[in-house]
Amino acid sequence: MGFLKLIEIENFKSYKGRQIIGPFRRFTAIIGPNGSGEAPGGGGGGA
């Protein structure tokens, strides 16, 4: 299992110059393509 310590970006979208985001606390992420059922509980989708 891997983990993310921090993210370093430079001139990305509205972030100007070099930015370091983090450190992050431990969290769980469920990812997948749109429509593959990764929404929490019984649907949770938007309008």
N, C-alpha and C. Protein backbone atom coordinates (compact mmCIF):
# COMPACT_ATOMS: atom_id res chain seq x y z
N MET A 1 0.85 -1.17 0.00
CA MET A 1 0.00 0.00 0.00
C MET A 1 0.90 1.24 0.00
N GLY A 2 0.57 2.20 -0.82
CA GLY A 2 1.33 3.43 -0.88
C GLY A 2 0.63 4.54 -0.12
N PHE A 3 1.33 5.64 0.03
CA PHE A 3 0.71 6.80 0.66
C PHE A 3 1.30 8.07 0.07
N LEU A 4 0.54 9.13 0.18
CA LEU A 4 0.89 10.42 -0.39
C LEU A 4 1.37 11.34 0.73
N LYS A 5 2.62 11.79 0.65
CA LYS A 5 3.17 12.69 1.68
C LYS A 5 2.83 14.14 1.37
N LEU A 6 3.10 14.56 0.14
CA LEU A 6 2.82 15.93 -0.27
C LEU A 6 2.76 16.00 -1.78
N ILE A 7 2.25 17.13 -2.28
CA ILE A 7 2.19 17.38 -3.71
C ILE A 7 2.94 18.68 -3.98
N GLU A 8 3.84 18.65 -4.93
CA GLU A 8 4.58 19.84 -5.33
C GLU A 8 4.16 20.20 -6.75
N ILE A 9 3.69 21.43 -6.95
CA ILE A 9 3.24 21.89 -8.26
C ILE A 9 3.92 23.21 -8.60
N GLU A 10 3.94 23.54 -9.87
CA GLU A 10 4.51 24.81 -10.31
C GLU A 10 3.66 25.37 -11.45
N ASN A 11 3.13 26.59 -11.24
CA ASN A 11 2.30 27.28 -12.23
C ASN A 11 1.18 26.39 -12.76
N PHE A 12 0.44 25.78 -11.86
CA PHE A 12 -0.67 24.89 -12.23
C PHE A 12 -1.99 25.59 -11.97
N LYS A 13 -2.78 25.79 -13.01
CA LYS A 13 -4.08 26.47 -12.95
C LYS A 13 -3.95 27.79 -12.22
N SER A 14 -4.64 27.96 -11.07
CA SER A 14 -4.59 29.25 -10.38
C SER A 14 -3.43 29.36 -9.39
N TYR A 15 -2.62 28.32 -9.25
CA TYR A 15 -1.45 28.37 -8.37
C TYR A 15 -0.28 28.94 -9.13
N LYS A 16 0.24 30.07 -8.69
CA LYS A 16 1.38 30.70 -9.36
C LYS A 16 2.67 30.36 -8.63
N GLY A 17 3.73 30.11 -9.39
CA GLY A 17 5.01 29.76 -8.79
C GLY A 17 4.99 28.33 -8.25
N ARG A 18 5.98 28.02 -7.44
CA ARG A 18 6.12 26.69 -6.86
C ARG A 18 5.31 26.61 -5.57
N GLN A 19 4.46 25.60 -5.47
CA GLN A 19 3.60 25.41 -4.30
C GLN A 19 3.78 23.99 -3.79
N ILE A 20 3.80 23.85 -2.47
CA ILE A 20 3.83 22.53 -1.84
C ILE A 20 2.56 22.37 -1.03
N ILE A 21 1.79 21.35 -1.33
CA ILE A 21 0.53 21.09 -0.65
C ILE A 21 0.72 19.83 0.19
N GLY A 22 0.49 19.94 1.48
CA GLY A 22 0.66 18.81 2.38
C GLY A 22 1.47 19.26 3.58
N PRO A 23 1.82 18.42 4.50
CA PRO A 23 1.61 16.98 4.49
C PRO A 23 0.15 16.63 4.72
N PHE A 24 -0.23 15.45 4.27
CA PHE A 24 -1.61 14.99 4.37
C PHE A 24 -1.76 14.01 5.52
N ARG A 25 -2.94 14.05 6.14
CA ARG A 25 -3.27 13.02 7.13
C ARG A 25 -3.68 11.76 6.39
N ARG A 26 -3.69 10.67 7.10
CA ARG A 26 -4.08 9.40 6.50
C ARG A 26 -5.55 9.43 6.10
N PHE A 27 -5.87 8.94 4.91
CA PHE A 27 -7.25 8.90 4.44
C PHE A 27 -7.42 7.73 3.47
N THR A 28 -8.66 7.40 3.20
CA THR A 28 -8.98 6.34 2.25
C THR A 28 -9.70 6.96 1.06
N ALA A 29 -9.32 6.59 -0.14
CA ALA A 29 -9.96 7.09 -1.35
C ALA A 29 -10.43 5.91 -2.18
N ILE A 30 -11.66 6.01 -2.67
CA ILE A 30 -12.20 5.00 -3.58
C ILE A 30 -12.34 5.68 -4.93
N ILE A 31 -11.60 5.19 -5.91
CA ILE A 31 -11.58 5.84 -7.22
C ILE A 31 -12.02 4.87 -8.30
N GLY A 32 -12.48 5.43 -9.40
CA GLY A 32 -12.89 4.61 -10.53
C GLY A 32 -13.47 5.48 -11.61
N PRO A 33 -13.70 4.91 -12.79
CA PRO A 33 -14.29 5.68 -13.87
C PRO A 33 -15.71 6.12 -13.52
N ASN A 34 -16.18 7.19 -14.13
CA ASN A 34 -17.55 7.66 -13.90
C ASN A 34 -18.54 6.54 -14.17
N GLY A 35 -19.52 6.41 -13.26
CA GLY A 35 -20.56 5.42 -13.44
C GLY A 35 -20.18 4.01 -13.01
N SER A 36 -19.03 3.83 -12.36
CA SER A 36 -18.61 2.48 -11.98
C SER A 36 -19.00 2.09 -10.56
N GLY A 37 -19.80 2.95 -9.87
CA GLY A 37 -20.31 2.58 -8.56
C GLY A 37 -19.47 3.00 -7.38
N GLU A 38 -18.62 4.01 -7.52
CA GLU A 38 -17.77 4.42 -6.42
C GLU A 38 -18.44 5.42 -5.47
N ALA A 39 -19.71 5.77 -5.71
CA ALA A 39 -20.43 6.71 -4.83
C ALA A 39 -20.72 6.05 -3.49
N PRO A 40 -20.70 6.83 -2.39
CA PRO A 40 -20.95 6.25 -1.07
C PRO A 40 -22.41 5.85 -0.88
N GLY A 41 -22.65 4.80 -0.14
CA GLY A 41 -24.01 4.41 0.25
C GLY A 41 -24.88 4.01 -0.93
N GLY A 42 -26.12 4.54 -0.92
CA GLY A 42 -27.11 4.11 -1.90
C GLY A 42 -27.22 4.99 -3.12
N GLY A 43 -26.20 5.64 -3.54
CA GLY A 43 -26.28 6.44 -4.77
C GLY A 43 -25.46 7.70 -4.67
N GLY A 44 -25.83 8.58 -3.77
CA GLY A 44 -25.05 9.76 -3.47
C GLY A 44 -24.73 10.69 -4.62
N GLY A 45 -25.21 10.43 -5.80
CA GLY A 45 -24.89 11.27 -6.95
C GLY A 45 -25.60 12.61 -6.91
N GLY A 46 -25.16 13.53 -7.73
CA GLY A 46 -25.77 14.85 -7.82
C GLY A 46 -27.00 14.85 -8.70
N ALA A 47 -27.52 16.04 -8.94
CA ALA A 47 -28.75 16.18 -9.74
C ALA A 47 -28.50 15.97 -11.21
